[in-house]
Amino acid sequence: MNRELAGGVAGRPQACIWTNAVSNLRVIDAATLGYETGGRTYVNRLRAPCHGLNPASAILLDVHAPRYCRGDRFRALETGSAVAGPVCVLGDWVPLTRR
């Protein structure tokens, strides 16, 4: 597990989380995204690892509401590339509380 997530206590998984106008969505590793809002961290373990996804990747989300939900699709854009990677799918969002 990523060092920044270590020590967190997982809460009940959620299908969707509300987002704000400024995205705090970030890549943790090829199979995990993180989102911070209001002092809380949410972790999304993707349904499958996403080829080309790394902490330096830009994320191109295909969402139509102010929420990120299980099943929403996205693609990773690798640094220096003009071609997005394969379609990846979000899983559940798990809130983490620091101990």
N, C-alpha and C. Protein backbone atom coordinates (compact mmCIF):
# COMPACT_ATOMS: atom_id res chain seq x y z
N MET A 1 0.85 -1.17 0.00
CA MET A 1 0.00 0.00 0.00
C MET A 1 0.89 1.23 0.00
N ASN A 2 0.45 2.27 -0.63
CA ASN A 2 1.18 3.51 -0.72
C ASN A 2 1.40 4.11 0.67
N ARG A 3 2.55 4.70 0.86
CA ARG A 3 2.91 5.28 2.16
C ARG A 3 1.90 6.33 2.63
N GLU A 4 1.34 7.14 1.71
CA GLU A 4 0.41 8.18 2.11
C GLU A 4 -0.92 7.60 2.59
N LEU A 5 -1.22 6.36 2.26
CA LEU A 5 -2.47 5.73 2.69
C LEU A 5 -2.28 4.87 3.93
N ALA A 6 -1.05 4.55 4.26
CA ALA A 6 -0.77 3.69 5.40
C ALA A 6 -1.29 4.33 6.68
N GLY A 7 -1.86 3.52 7.54
CA GLY A 7 -2.36 4.01 8.82
C GLY A 7 -3.78 4.53 8.78
N GLY A 8 -4.39 4.56 7.62
CA GLY A 8 -5.78 5.02 7.51
C GLY A 8 -6.74 3.89 7.82
N VAL A 9 -7.87 4.24 8.44
CA VAL A 9 -8.90 3.27 8.75
C VAL A 9 -9.99 3.39 7.68
N ALA A 10 -10.26 2.30 6.99
CA ALA A 10 -11.23 2.30 5.90
C ALA A 10 -12.66 2.34 6.43
N GLY A 11 -13.47 3.18 5.81
CA GLY A 11 -14.90 3.26 6.12
C GLY A 11 -15.69 2.42 5.14
N ARG A 12 -17.01 2.59 5.15
CA ARG A 12 -17.91 1.84 4.28
C ARG A 12 -17.75 2.32 2.82
N PRO A 13 -17.55 1.39 1.88
CA PRO A 13 -17.42 1.77 0.47
C PRO A 13 -18.66 2.52 -0.03
N GLN A 14 -18.42 3.48 -0.91
CA GLN A 14 -19.49 4.29 -1.49
C GLN A 14 -19.42 4.19 -3.01
N ALA A 15 -20.58 4.16 -3.64
CA ALA A 15 -20.62 4.09 -5.10
C ALA A 15 -20.19 5.41 -5.74
N CYS A 16 -20.52 6.55 -5.10
CA CYS A 16 -20.21 7.87 -5.66
C CYS A 16 -19.71 8.80 -4.57
N ILE A 17 -18.91 9.78 -4.99
CA ILE A 17 -18.54 10.87 -4.10
C ILE A 17 -18.80 12.18 -4.84
N TRP A 18 -19.17 13.20 -4.10
CA TRP A 18 -19.36 14.52 -4.69
C TRP A 18 -17.99 15.14 -4.92
N THR A 19 -17.88 15.88 -6.00
CA THR A 19 -16.62 16.55 -6.32
C THR A 19 -16.85 18.05 -6.25
N ASN A 20 -15.77 18.79 -6.23
CA ASN A 20 -15.88 20.24 -6.28
C ASN A 20 -15.32 20.73 -7.60
N ALA A 21 -15.42 22.03 -7.83
CA ALA A 21 -14.99 22.59 -9.11
C ALA A 21 -13.49 22.39 -9.34
N VAL A 22 -12.71 22.38 -8.28
CA VAL A 22 -11.27 22.16 -8.40
C VAL A 22 -11.01 20.70 -8.09
N SER A 23 -10.52 19.98 -9.07
CA SER A 23 -10.31 18.55 -8.89
C SER A 23 -9.10 18.27 -8.02
N ASN A 24 -9.29 17.43 -7.04
CA ASN A 24 -8.21 16.96 -6.19
C ASN A 24 -7.94 15.49 -6.46
N LEU A 25 -8.36 15.02 -7.62
CA LEU A 25 -8.18 13.63 -8.00
C LEU A 25 -6.73 13.41 -8.41
N ARG A 26 -6.13 12.35 -7.87
CA ARG A 26 -4.73 12.08 -8.21
C ARG A 26 -4.50 10.57 -8.35
N VAL A 27 -3.46 10.25 -9.06
CA VAL A 27 -3.07 8.86 -9.27
C VAL A 27 -2.14 8.45 -8.14
N ILE A 28 -2.44 7.32 -7.51
CA ILE A 28 -1.56 6.76 -6.49
C ILE A 28 -0.68 5.69 -7.11
N ASP A 29 -1.29 4.79 -7.88
CA ASP A 29 -0.54 3.80 -8.65
C ASP A 29 -1.43 3.33 -9.78
N ALA A 30 -1.00 2.33 -10.53
CA ALA A 30 -1.73 1.89 -11.73
C ALA A 30 -3.10 1.30 -11.45
N ALA A 31 -3.41 1.05 -10.19
CA ALA A 31 -4.71 0.46 -9.85
C ALA A 31 -5.46 1.26 -8.79
N THR A 32 -4.95 2.47 -8.44
CA THR A 32 -5.54 3.21 -7.33
C THR A 32 -5.54 4.71 -7.60
N LEU A 33 -6.69 5.34 -7.35
CA LEU A 33 -6.80 6.79 -7.41
C LEU A 33 -7.14 7.29 -6.01
N GLY A 34 -6.84 8.55 -5.75
CA GLY A 34 -7.19 9.17 -4.49
C GLY A 34 -7.87 10.50 -4.74
N TYR A 35 -8.74 10.89 -3.82
CA TYR A 35 -9.43 12.17 -3.91
C TYR A 35 -9.54 12.75 -2.51
N GLU A 36 -9.17 14.02 -2.35
CA GLU A 36 -9.25 14.65 -1.04
C GLU A 36 -10.25 15.78 -1.08
N THR A 37 -11.10 15.82 -0.06
CA THR A 37 -12.07 16.89 0.07
C THR A 37 -12.45 17.03 1.53
N GLY A 38 -12.54 18.25 1.98
CA GLY A 38 -12.96 18.50 3.35
C GLY A 38 -12.17 17.77 4.40
N GLY A 39 -10.87 17.58 4.18
CA GLY A 39 -10.04 16.90 5.16
C GLY A 39 -10.15 15.39 5.15
N ARG A 40 -10.90 14.84 4.24
CA ARG A 40 -11.07 13.40 4.14
C ARG A 40 -10.46 12.90 2.84
N THR A 41 -9.87 11.73 2.90
CA THR A 41 -9.30 11.09 1.72
C THR A 41 -10.18 9.93 1.30
N TYR A 42 -10.49 9.84 0.02
CA TYR A 42 -11.23 8.71 -0.54
C TYR A 42 -10.28 7.97 -1.47
N VAL A 43 -10.32 6.65 -1.42
CA VAL A 43 -9.48 5.82 -2.26
C VAL A 43 -10.36 4.99 -3.19
N ASN A 44 -9.96 4.91 -4.44
CA ASN A 44 -10.69 4.12 -5.42
C ASN A 44 -9.75 3.06 -5.97
N ARG A 45 -10.06 1.82 -5.66
CA ARG A 45 -9.31 0.69 -6.24
C ARG A 45 -10.03 0.35 -7.54
N LEU A 46 -9.35 0.56 -8.64
CA LEU A 46 -9.96 0.34 -9.95
C LEU A 46 -10.36 -1.11 -10.12
N ARG A 47 -11.29 -1.35 -11.02
CA ARG A 47 -11.74 -2.72 -11.28
C ARG A 47 -10.62 -3.59 -11.79
N ALA A 48 -9.66 -2.97 -12.47
CA ALA A 48 -8.48 -3.67 -12.98
C ALA A 48 -7.38 -2.63 -13.11
N PRO A 49 -6.11 -3.03 -13.02
CA PRO A 49 -5.05 -2.05 -13.23
C PRO A 49 -5.21 -1.36 -14.58
N CYS A 50 -4.84 -0.10 -14.62
CA CYS A 50 -5.01 0.72 -15.83
C CYS A 50 -3.65 0.91 -16.50
N HIS A 51 -3.48 0.31 -17.66
CA HIS A 51 -2.22 0.38 -18.39
C HIS A 51 -1.83 1.84 -18.65
N GLY A 52 -0.63 2.20 -18.30
CA GLY A 52 -0.13 3.54 -18.56
C GLY A 52 -0.43 4.55 -17.46
N LEU A 53 -1.19 4.16 -16.45
CA LEU A 53 -1.54 5.07 -15.36
C LEU A 53 -0.41 5.11 -14.34
N ASN A 54 0.10 6.30 -14.07
CA ASN A 54 1.14 6.47 -13.06
C ASN A 54 0.97 7.86 -12.44
N PRO A 55 1.66 8.14 -11.33
CA PRO A 55 1.46 9.41 -10.64
C PRO A 55 1.69 10.66 -11.50
N ALA A 56 2.40 10.55 -12.60
CA ALA A 56 2.63 11.70 -13.47
C ALA A 56 1.56 11.83 -14.57
N SER A 57 0.62 10.89 -14.63
CA SER A 57 -0.41 10.90 -15.66
C SER A 57 -1.46 11.96 -15.41
N ALA A 58 -2.00 12.50 -16.50
CA ALA A 58 -3.20 13.32 -16.43
C ALA A 58 -4.38 12.35 -16.57
N ILE A 59 -5.50 12.68 -15.96
CA ILE A 59 -6.68 11.81 -15.99
C ILE A 59 -7.77 12.50 -16.79
N LEU A 60 -8.28 11.80 -17.80
CA LEU A 60 -9.36 12.31 -18.64
C LEU A 60 -10.62 11.54 -18.28
N LEU A 61 -11.50 12.17 -17.48
CA LEU A 61 -12.72 11.51 -17.00
C LEU A 61 -13.88 11.72 -17.95
N ASP A 62 -14.73 10.73 -18.06
CA ASP A 62 -15.95 10.81 -18.86
C ASP A 62 -17.13 10.82 -17.88
N VAL A 63 -17.34 11.98 -17.23
CA VAL A 63 -18.43 12.09 -16.26
C VAL A 63 -19.33 13.24 -16.67
N HIS A 64 -20.59 13.16 -16.25
CA HIS A 64 -21.56 14.17 -16.65
C HIS A 64 -22.31 14.74 -15.45
N ALA A 65 -21.75 14.62 -14.28
CA ALA A 65 -22.37 15.14 -13.06
C ALA A 65 -21.25 15.56 -12.12
N PRO A 66 -21.59 16.30 -11.08
CA PRO A 66 -20.54 16.72 -10.14
C PRO A 66 -20.19 15.61 -9.14
N ARG A 67 -20.15 14.38 -9.66
CA ARG A 67 -19.78 13.23 -8.82
C ARG A 67 -18.89 12.31 -9.63
N TYR A 68 -18.04 11.57 -8.92
CA TYR A 68 -17.29 10.48 -9.51
C TYR A 68 -17.93 9.21 -8.99
N CYS A 69 -18.36 8.33 -9.88
CA CYS A 69 -19.11 7.14 -9.47
C CYS A 69 -18.49 5.85 -10.00
N ARG A 70 -18.78 4.76 -9.26
CA ARG A 70 -18.39 3.42 -9.70
C ARG A 70 -18.94 3.24 -11.11
N GLY A 71 -18.10 2.74 -11.98
CA GLY A 71 -18.51 2.51 -13.37
C GLY A 71 -18.16 3.66 -14.31
N ASP A 72 -17.85 4.85 -13.77
CA ASP A 72 -17.41 5.95 -14.64
C ASP A 72 -16.12 5.54 -15.32
N ARG A 73 -16.01 5.99 -16.54
CA ARG A 73 -14.83 5.62 -17.33
C ARG A 73 -13.86 6.79 -17.42
N PHE A 74 -12.58 6.46 -17.55
CA PHE A 74 -11.56 7.48 -17.74
C PHE A 74 -10.41 6.89 -18.53
N ARG A 75 -9.55 7.79 -18.97
CA ARG A 75 -8.34 7.38 -19.68
C ARG A 75 -7.17 8.15 -19.09
N ALA A 76 -6.00 7.56 -19.13
CA ALA A 76 -4.79 8.20 -18.66
C ALA A 76 -4.06 8.81 -19.85
N LEU A 77 -3.52 9.98 -19.64
CA LEU A 77 -2.70 10.63 -20.65
C LEU A 77 -1.30 10.73 -20.07
N GLU A 78 -0.40 9.95 -20.63
CA GLU A 78 0.97 9.93 -20.13
C GLU A 78 1.67 11.24 -20.47
N THR A 79 2.56 11.65 -19.60
CA THR A 79 3.31 12.88 -19.79
C THR A 79 4.02 12.85 -21.14
N GLY A 80 3.85 13.92 -21.91
CA GLY A 80 4.51 14.03 -23.21
C GLY A 80 3.78 13.34 -24.34
N SER A 81 2.68 12.66 -24.06
CA SER A 81 1.94 11.95 -25.10
C SER A 81 0.70 12.74 -25.52
N ALA A 82 0.33 12.61 -26.76
CA ALA A 82 -0.88 13.25 -27.26
C ALA A 82 -2.01 12.23 -27.41
N VAL A 83 -1.71 10.97 -27.15
CA VAL A 83 -2.69 9.90 -27.32
C VAL A 83 -3.03 9.31 -25.95
N ALA A 84 -4.31 9.33 -25.61
CA ALA A 84 -4.75 8.77 -24.33
C ALA A 84 -4.66 7.25 -24.35
N GLY A 85 -4.48 6.68 -23.17
CA GLY A 85 -4.38 5.23 -23.03
C GLY A 85 -5.74 4.57 -23.11
N PRO A 86 -5.81 3.29 -22.75
CA PRO A 86 -7.05 2.53 -22.83
C PRO A 86 -8.08 3.05 -21.81
N VAL A 87 -9.32 2.68 -22.03
CA VAL A 87 -10.40 3.05 -21.12
C VAL A 87 -10.27 2.24 -19.83
N CYS A 88 -10.39 2.93 -18.70
CA CYS A 88 -10.34 2.30 -17.38
C CYS A 88 -11.63 2.63 -16.65
N VAL A 89 -11.97 1.84 -15.64
CA VAL A 89 -13.27 1.98 -14.98
C VAL A 89 -13.07 2.14 -13.47
N LEU A 90 -13.77 3.12 -12.90
CA LEU A 90 -13.71 3.34 -11.46
C LEU A 90 -14.43 2.24 -10.70
N GLY A 91 -13.92 1.93 -9.52
CA GLY A 91 -14.58 1.01 -8.59
C GLY A 91 -15.28 1.82 -7.51
N ASP A 92 -15.46 1.24 -6.33
CA ASP A 92 -16.06 1.95 -5.21
C ASP A 92 -15.06 2.90 -4.58
N TRP A 93 -15.59 3.92 -3.93
CA TRP A 93 -14.79 4.89 -3.18
C TRP A 93 -14.81 4.51 -1.72
N VAL A 94 -13.65 4.40 -1.12
CA VAL A 94 -13.54 4.03 0.30
C VAL A 94 -12.96 5.22 1.07
N PRO A 95 -13.72 5.76 2.03
CA PRO A 95 -13.19 6.87 2.82
C PRO A 95 -12.15 6.36 3.81
N LEU A 96 -11.07 7.11 3.97
CA LEU A 96 -10.04 6.78 4.93
C LEU A 96 -10.01 7.83 6.03
N THR A 97 -9.95 7.38 7.25
CA THR A 97 -9.81 8.27 8.40
C THR A 97 -8.45 8.00 9.01
N ARG A 98 -7.72 9.04 9.29
CA ARG A 98 -6.41 8.89 9.91
C ARG A 98 -6.58 8.47 11.36
N ARG A 99 -5.68 7.60 11.83
CA ARG A 99 -5.71 7.16 13.23
C ARG A 99 -5.16 8.22 14.14
